[in-house]
Amino acid sequence: MNKIKCFLLTITLFSLSACTSPPEGITAVKNFDLQKYQGKWYEIARLNHSFEEGMEQVTANYTINDDGTVKVINKGYITKEQQWKNAQGLAKFVGDSDIGHFKVSFFGPFYGAYVIFELEQADYQYAFITSYNKDYLWFLSRTPQVGDELKEHFLKTVKDLGFATEQIIWVKQK
């Protein structure tokens, strides 16, 4: 029985570490500046997943903690229930602090990848993010609305990288 438990623990630990790596073909941005990245972001588009099901007006707020970790507060309005939902998490750099690659936890010791693979460099006005596989995708902006040209750029970029663009949800913002 102990061998089975050890085997399952080994598989679980391997799986957890794999959840912080970027998907194949995706590279995190370099020359990343956490000071510039912190603050409020609006979710413009995403691939759907259970923890944001039916949400609109989704925002993410990043604040640097004294120890260099990042406090993450995600907020969204669940239309069906007509109520706001908040989730607080913690992000840590996976490697060097000038690479846009974090591991984020909203559930205790379990971490998932947060990989910024495109970032407007001058003023950090938009970011494209994924996780450990291409089932996760977010398009964030400093403003609640973006122009058609930027939307088209996002769609072309993520299609070329192999994301399921036909499943993208455009998030309603006010």
Protein backbone atom coordinates (compact mmCIF):
# COMPACT_ATOMS: atom_id res chain seq x y z
CA MET A 1 0.00 0.00 0.00
CA ASN A 2 2.82 2.44 0.80
CA LYS A 3 4.32 1.95 -2.66
CA ILE A 4 1.03 2.95 -4.26
CA LYS A 5 0.80 6.09 -2.08
CA CYS A 6 4.39 7.01 -2.93
CA PHE A 7 3.72 6.49 -6.62
CA LEU A 8 0.59 8.65 -6.49
CA LEU A 9 2.43 11.35 -4.54
CA THR A 10 5.25 11.33 -7.09
CA ILE A 11 2.79 11.65 -9.98
CA THR A 12 0.95 14.46 -8.18
CA LEU A 13 4.14 16.40 -7.48
CA PHE A 14 5.30 15.95 -11.08
CA SER A 15 1.92 17.17 -12.32
CA LEU A 16 2.04 20.21 -10.05
CA SER A 17 5.48 21.22 -11.32
CA ALA A 18 4.35 20.74 -14.91
CA CYS A 19 1.50 23.18 -14.23
CA THR A 20 3.95 26.07 -13.90
CA SER A 21 5.73 25.58 -17.23
CA PRO A 22 4.60 27.41 -20.38
CA PRO A 23 2.92 25.45 -23.17
CA GLU A 24 5.03 24.27 -26.08
CA GLY A 25 5.83 27.10 -28.50
CA ILE A 26 5.11 29.88 -25.98
CA THR A 27 7.88 32.08 -24.57
CA ALA A 28 7.44 34.55 -21.74
CA VAL A 29 8.32 38.17 -22.43
CA LYS A 30 11.78 39.39 -21.47
CA ASN A 31 12.73 42.80 -20.03
CA PHE A 32 9.67 42.56 -17.80
CA ASP A 33 9.16 45.30 -15.18
CA LEU A 34 6.84 44.30 -12.33
CA GLN A 35 6.59 47.93 -11.15
CA LYS A 36 5.05 48.89 -14.50
CA TYR A 37 2.83 45.79 -14.62
CA GLN A 38 1.20 46.24 -11.21
CA GLY A 39 -2.18 47.92 -10.98
CA LYS A 40 -5.59 47.36 -12.54
CA TRP A 41 -6.19 45.44 -15.78
CA TYR A 42 -9.46 44.80 -17.63
CA GLU A 43 -10.17 41.42 -19.17
CA ILE A 44 -10.95 41.98 -22.84
CA ALA A 45 -11.13 38.36 -23.98
CA ARG A 46 -10.56 34.84 -22.67
CA LEU A 47 -11.03 31.19 -23.31
CA ASN A 48 -13.83 29.96 -21.08
CA HIS A 49 -13.18 27.94 -17.94
CA SER A 50 -15.24 27.02 -14.90
CA PHE A 51 -13.84 29.65 -12.53
CA GLU A 52 -14.99 32.53 -14.77
CA GLU A 53 -18.14 30.94 -16.17
CA GLY A 54 -20.81 33.55 -16.90
CA MET A 55 -18.70 36.49 -15.73
CA GLU A 56 -18.48 39.93 -17.23
CA GLN A 57 -16.78 43.15 -16.11
CA VAL A 58 -13.77 41.08 -15.07
CA THR A 59 -10.71 42.87 -13.73
CA ALA A 60 -7.39 41.84 -12.24
CA ASN A 61 -5.42 43.94 -9.81
CA TYR A 62 -1.75 43.22 -9.07
CA THR A 63 0.04 44.68 -6.04
CA ILE A 64 3.67 44.03 -5.10
CA ASN A 65 4.11 42.69 -1.58
CA ASP A 66 7.10 43.63 0.60
CA ASP A 67 8.68 40.20 -0.02
CA GLY A 68 8.54 40.59 -3.83
CA THR A 69 5.53 38.32 -4.31
CA VAL A 70 2.41 39.71 -5.93
CA LYS A 71 -1.06 39.96 -4.43
CA VAL A 72 -3.64 39.14 -7.10
CA ILE A 73 -7.26 40.19 -6.79
CA ASN A 74 -9.58 39.07 -9.57
CA LYS A 75 -13.10 40.45 -9.64
CA GLY A 76 -16.04 39.72 -11.92
CA TYR A 77 -19.78 40.08 -12.11
CA ILE A 78 -21.73 36.83 -12.40
CA THR A 79 -24.68 37.80 -14.56
CA LYS A 80 -26.89 34.81 -13.73
CA GLU A 81 -26.56 35.35 -9.99
CA GLN A 82 -26.40 39.15 -10.30
CA GLN A 83 -23.53 39.40 -7.86
CA TRP A 84 -19.84 40.20 -7.74
CA LYS A 85 -17.24 37.52 -7.05
CA ASN A 86 -13.68 38.14 -5.85
CA ALA A 87 -10.76 35.76 -5.76
CA GLN A 88 -7.48 36.56 -4.04
CA GLY A 89 -4.27 34.84 -5.01
CA LEU A 90 -0.52 35.02 -4.72
CA ALA A 91 1.96 35.15 -7.60
CA LYS A 92 5.69 34.40 -7.52
CA PHE A 93 8.26 34.59 -10.27
CA VAL A 94 9.16 31.17 -11.67
CA GLY A 95 12.65 32.32 -12.63
CA ASP A 96 14.30 35.69 -13.12
CA SER A 97 12.28 38.78 -12.18
CA ASP A 98 12.78 40.32 -15.63
CA ILE A 99 10.88 37.47 -17.32
CA GLY A 100 7.05 37.67 -17.40
CA HIS A 101 6.51 34.16 -16.02
CA PHE A 102 4.82 33.56 -12.68
CA LYS A 103 3.28 30.75 -10.74
CA VAL A 104 -0.04 31.79 -9.23
CA SER A 105 -2.04 30.18 -6.45
CA PHE A 106 -5.64 30.76 -5.51
CA PHE A 107 -5.93 27.43 -3.68
CA GLY A 108 -3.26 26.94 -1.03
CA PRO A 109 -0.19 25.06 -2.17
CA PHE A 110 -1.41 24.47 -5.75
CA TYR A 111 0.15 26.72 -8.39
CA GLY A 112 -0.55 27.28 -12.04
CA ALA A 113 1.49 29.06 -14.67
CA TYR A 114 0.86 32.69 -15.59
CA VAL A 115 2.86 33.34 -18.75
CA ILE A 116 2.83 36.79 -20.35
CA PHE A 117 3.74 36.06 -23.96
CA GLU A 118 3.04 39.49 -25.43
CA LEU A 119 3.17 42.83 -23.68
CA GLU A 120 3.00 46.35 -25.05
CA GLN A 121 6.45 47.49 -23.96
CA ALA A 122 6.23 51.28 -23.88
CA ASP A 123 3.46 51.79 -21.31
CA TYR A 124 2.21 48.25 -20.58
CA GLN A 125 -1.20 49.01 -22.10
CA TYR A 126 -2.10 45.41 -23.06
CA ALA A 127 -0.94 41.87 -22.35
CA PHE A 128 -1.60 38.40 -23.75
CA ILE A 129 -1.39 35.65 -21.12
CA THR A 130 -1.66 31.88 -21.02
CA SER A 131 -1.09 29.16 -18.45
CA TYR A 132 0.51 25.71 -18.59
CA ASN A 133 -1.48 24.71 -21.68
CA LYS A 134 -3.32 26.43 -24.50
CA ASP A 135 -6.73 25.84 -22.92
CA TYR A 136 -6.09 29.04 -20.96
CA LEU A 137 -5.87 32.44 -22.60
CA TRP A 138 -6.47 36.01 -21.50
CA PHE A 139 -6.24 39.37 -23.24
CA LEU A 140 -5.85 42.15 -20.66
CA SER A 141 -5.85 45.90 -21.15
CA ARG A 142 -5.43 48.96 -18.98
CA THR A 143 -8.67 50.27 -20.48
CA PRO A 144 -12.08 48.55 -20.53
CA GLN A 145 -12.32 48.89 -24.33
CA VAL A 146 -9.74 48.41 -27.09
CA GLY A 147 -9.79 49.18 -30.80
CA ASP A 148 -10.55 46.73 -33.60
CA GLU A 149 -6.93 46.81 -34.80
CA LEU A 150 -5.68 45.50 -31.45
CA LYS A 151 -8.43 42.85 -31.34
CA GLU A 152 -7.42 41.66 -34.82
CA HIS A 153 -3.76 41.57 -33.76
CA PHE A 154 -4.69 39.45 -30.72
CA LEU A 155 -6.72 37.01 -32.84
CA LYS A 156 -3.99 36.62 -35.45
CA THR A 157 -1.28 36.17 -32.82
CA VAL A 158 -3.11 33.52 -30.82
CA LYS A 159 -4.35 31.69 -33.92
CA ASP A 160 -0.77 31.46 -35.21
CA LEU A 161 0.25 30.02 -31.81
CA GLY A 162 -2.43 27.31 -31.95
CA PHE A 163 -5.10 28.62 -29.58
CA ALA A 164 -8.78 27.80 -30.28
CA THR A 165 -9.80 31.24 -31.52
CA GLU A 166 -13.35 30.09 -32.32
CA GLN A 167 -13.90 29.59 -28.57
CA ILE A 168 -12.76 33.06 -27.48
CA ILE A 169 -15.20 35.01 -25.32
CA TRP A 170 -15.21 38.80 -25.64
CA VAL A 171 -15.84 40.09 -22.15
CA LYS A 172 -18.46 42.78 -21.58
CA GLN A 173 -17.03 45.75 -19.72
CA LYS A 174 -18.74 48.94 -18.59
